[in-house]
Protein backbone atom coordinates (compact mmCIF):
# COMPACT_ATOMS: atom_id res chain seq x y z
CA UNK A 1 -3.15 11.58 -65.68
CA UNK A 2 -2.15 8.36 -62.84
CA UNK A 3 -2.07 9.10 -59.47
CA UNK A 4 1.14 7.47 -57.76
CA UNK A 5 -0.19 4.84 -54.79
CA UNK A 6 0.30 6.37 -51.91
CA UNK A 7 2.73 4.35 -49.59
CA UNK A 8 1.58 5.07 -46.28
CA UNK A 9 -1.79 3.51 -47.00
CA UNK A 10 0.03 1.12 -48.40
CA UNK A 11 2.30 0.46 -45.41
CA UNK A 12 -1.11 0.73 -43.37
CA UNK A 13 -3.20 -2.43 -45.76
CA UNK A 14 -0.08 -3.81 -44.98
CA UNK A 15 -0.01 -3.54 -40.75
CA UNK A 16 -3.47 -4.15 -40.71
CA UNK A 17 -3.73 -7.46 -40.91
CA UNK A 18 -0.51 -8.10 -38.36
CA UNK A 19 -2.03 -5.61 -35.54
CA UNK A 20 -5.15 -7.59 -35.41
CA UNK A 21 -3.65 -11.15 -35.59
CA UNK A 22 -1.60 -9.56 -32.38
CA UNK A 23 -4.23 -7.81 -30.46
CA UNK A 24 -6.52 -10.77 -30.63
CA UNK A 25 -4.41 -12.79 -29.31
CA UNK A 26 -3.30 -10.62 -26.71
CA UNK A 27 -6.56 -9.56 -26.08
CA UNK A 28 -7.51 -13.67 -25.36
CA UNK A 29 -5.17 -13.79 -23.22
CA UNK A 30 -5.95 -10.86 -21.25
CA UNK A 31 -9.22 -12.21 -20.61
CA UNK A 32 -8.05 -15.15 -19.36
CA UNK A 33 -5.67 -13.31 -17.06
CA UNK A 34 -8.54 -10.98 -15.51
CA UNK A 35 -10.48 -13.32 -14.28
CA UNK A 36 -11.02 -12.73 -10.74
CA UNK A 37 -13.22 -16.00 -10.09
CA UNK A 38 -11.75 -18.50 -8.65
CA UNK A 39 -14.09 -21.79 -9.21
CA UNK A 40 -12.24 -23.58 -7.19
CA UNK A 41 -12.98 -22.10 -4.24
CA UNK A 42 -16.93 -23.04 -5.32
CA UNK A 43 -18.67 -25.49 -3.60
CA UNK A 44 -21.63 -25.75 -6.50
CA UNK A 45 -22.84 -28.98 -4.60
CA UNK A 46 -24.81 -26.69 -2.67
CA UNK A 47 -27.86 -24.22 -4.29
CA UNK A 48 -26.74 -21.21 -4.01
CA UNK A 49 -30.59 -19.93 -3.50
CA UNK A 50 -29.99 -22.54 -0.45
CA UNK A 51 -27.29 -20.73 0.73
CA UNK A 52 -24.97 -17.91 -1.47
CA UNK A 53 -21.56 -17.46 1.08
CA UNK A 54 -21.40 -21.60 1.08
CA UNK A 55 -21.92 -21.83 -2.58
CA UNK A 56 -19.18 -19.42 -3.23
CA UNK A 57 -16.80 -20.45 -0.51
CA UNK A 58 -17.48 -23.59 0.22
CA UNK A 59 -14.13 -25.38 -0.49
CA UNK A 60 -12.47 -22.78 0.26
CA UNK A 61 -13.72 -22.59 4.00
CA UNK A 62 -12.85 -26.50 3.87
CA UNK A 63 -9.77 -26.58 3.05
CA UNK A 64 -8.42 -23.37 4.45
CA UNK A 65 -7.29 -23.41 8.71
CA UNK A 66 -7.49 -20.48 10.09
CA UNK A 67 -4.24 -20.32 12.14
CA UNK A 68 -4.19 -20.53 16.01
CA UNK A 69 -2.87 -16.95 16.67
CA UNK A 70 -5.99 -15.70 14.68
CA UNK A 71 -10.07 -15.09 15.76
CA UNK A 72 -10.43 -15.45 11.88
CA UNK A 73 -8.59 -15.29 8.18
CA UNK A 74 -8.85 -14.50 4.75
CA UNK A 75 -7.81 -12.59 1.77
CA UNK A 76 -7.50 -9.43 2.99
CA UNK A 77 -5.26 -10.92 6.06
CA UNK A 78 -3.23 -13.20 3.03
CA UNK A 79 -2.57 -10.02 1.27
CA UNK A 80 -1.64 -8.19 4.47
CA UNK A 81 0.68 -11.04 5.73
CA UNK A 82 2.19 -11.28 2.16
CA UNK A 83 3.04 -6.86 1.69
CA UNK A 84 4.41 -7.45 5.42
CA UNK A 85 6.84 -10.20 4.52
CA UNK A 86 7.76 -8.14 0.76
CA UNK A 87 8.38 -4.88 3.18
CA UNK A 88 10.40 -7.05 5.35
CA UNK A 89 12.96 -8.71 2.84
CA UNK A 90 13.14 -4.64 0.96
CA UNK A 91 14.21 -3.88 4.03
CA UNK A 92 16.20 -7.21 4.44
CA UNK A 93 18.15 -6.19 1.35
CA UNK A 94 18.31 -2.39 1.24
CA UNK A 95 21.03 -2.66 5.10
CA UNK A 96 23.00 -5.93 3.30
CA UNK A 97 23.87 -4.18 -0.48
CA UNK A 98 26.01 -1.65 -1.00
CA UNK A 99 23.76 1.41 -2.78
CA UNK A 100 24.43 5.12 -4.73
CA UNK A 101 24.07 7.18 -2.34
CA UNK A 102 20.92 9.11 -1.81
CA UNK A 103 19.22 6.25 -3.00
CA UNK A 104 16.37 4.91 -1.74
CA UNK A 105 17.80 1.67 -0.72
CA UNK A 106 20.49 3.46 0.49
CA UNK A 107 18.57 5.29 3.03
CA UNK A 108 16.09 2.23 3.95
CA UNK A 109 19.00 0.34 5.02
CA UNK A 110 20.86 3.16 6.70
CA UNK A 111 17.62 4.49 8.64
CA UNK A 112 17.33 -0.14 9.40
CA UNK A 113 20.74 0.07 10.19
CA UNK A 114 20.49 2.22 12.68
CA UNK A 115 16.58 1.06 14.34
CA UNK A 116 19.03 -1.64 14.93
CA UNK A 117 22.00 -0.71 16.83
CA UNK A 118 20.64 -0.96 20.00
CA UNK A 119 24.22 -0.05 21.26
CA UNK A 120 24.28 2.81 19.77
CA UNK A 121 20.88 3.83 21.36
CA UNK A 122 21.93 3.29 24.41
CA UNK A 123 25.22 4.93 24.32
CA UNK A 124 23.30 8.34 22.84
CA UNK A 125 20.50 7.67 25.74
CA UNK A 126 18.02 10.15 25.95
CA UNK A 127 20.77 13.22 23.80
CA UNK A 128 18.60 13.27 20.98
CA UNK A 129 15.09 14.50 22.73
CA UNK A 130 16.85 17.34 24.73
CA UNK A 131 16.47 19.55 21.88
CA UNK A 132 12.74 18.68 22.13
CA UNK A 133 12.38 18.83 25.71
CA UNK A 134 13.80 22.29 26.06
CA UNK A 135 11.10 23.23 23.79
CA UNK A 136 8.05 21.89 25.86
CA UNK A 137 9.73 23.53 29.23
CA UNK A 138 10.21 26.96 27.64
CA UNK A 139 6.25 26.35 27.51
CA UNK A 140 4.95 29.33 30.79
CA UNK A 141 1.48 29.87 29.48
CA UNK A 142 -1.54 28.35 26.98
CA UNK A 143 -0.31 30.52 24.16
CA UNK A 144 2.69 28.97 24.30
CA UNK A 145 1.11 25.96 24.82
CA UNK A 146 -0.91 26.12 21.55
CA UNK A 147 1.89 26.87 19.75
CA UNK A 148 3.85 23.55 20.57
CA UNK A 149 0.54 21.53 19.76
CA UNK A 150 0.90 23.46 16.43
CA UNK A 151 4.65 22.64 15.99
CA UNK A 152 4.41 19.11 17.30
CA UNK A 153 1.00 18.85 14.72
CA UNK A 154 3.30 19.81 11.79
CA UNK A 155 6.28 18.36 12.17
CA UNK A 156 3.82 14.34 12.23
CA UNK A 157 3.74 14.45 16.36
CA UNK A 158 0.14 14.40 16.81
CA UNK A 159 0.57 15.61 20.33
CA UNK A 160 -1.97 15.82 22.17
CA UNK A 161 -4.31 14.56 19.55
CA UNK A 162 -3.77 15.72 15.60
CA UNK A 163 -5.59 17.99 14.07
CA UNK A 164 -6.82 17.29 10.25
CA UNK A 165 -9.99 18.51 8.08
CA UNK A 166 -12.65 15.64 6.16
CA UNK A 167 -16.52 15.78 5.08
CA UNK A 168 -19.08 17.38 7.34
CA UNK A 169 -20.81 13.85 8.65
CA UNK A 170 -23.92 16.03 8.19
CA UNK A 171 -23.68 18.04 5.05
CA UNK A 172 -20.91 17.04 2.81
CA UNK A 173 -21.05 20.29 1.03
CA UNK A 174 -18.89 21.59 4.36
CA UNK A 175 -15.77 20.68 5.56
CA UNK A 176 -15.06 20.15 9.54
CA UNK A 177 -11.67 19.58 11.68
CA UNK A 178 -11.38 16.22 13.66
CA UNK A 179 -8.88 15.06 16.35
């Protein structure tokens, strides 16, 4: 008795060449994108054994001006500056748009607008701080002081110091408090 062809196997055999073609095309594109070496920054006129830094970064150093307000400049600082610009753009866009109540954009926009509203801040004065001042005024002994420090640290104030935990520098199997 002759068995019927399995439709799953037929489909699989038909798809293998297509999937292979897509996979190889995608891998080829990924390989081009993944390289982090910008050979345009290299100065190949310098022998790597003579001055490796000049060989790898020579053209970048020749072509990149250190801004007048900086003592040094590099990729790390460029990324930092770009991230600051991006965050500023997000905050400004959030402050100008109309967003769903409770959305991140709405919260960011409201927070920024409250910060920028100097007239309202001047009008309120120190009134928002008065509950905190009352807690401080209620401290009468070392126990109260320690309790307030604990409260302040858990609320993010870090007064008069912050306390956290990390691996012990002398014995990484133990933990230690740091401030």
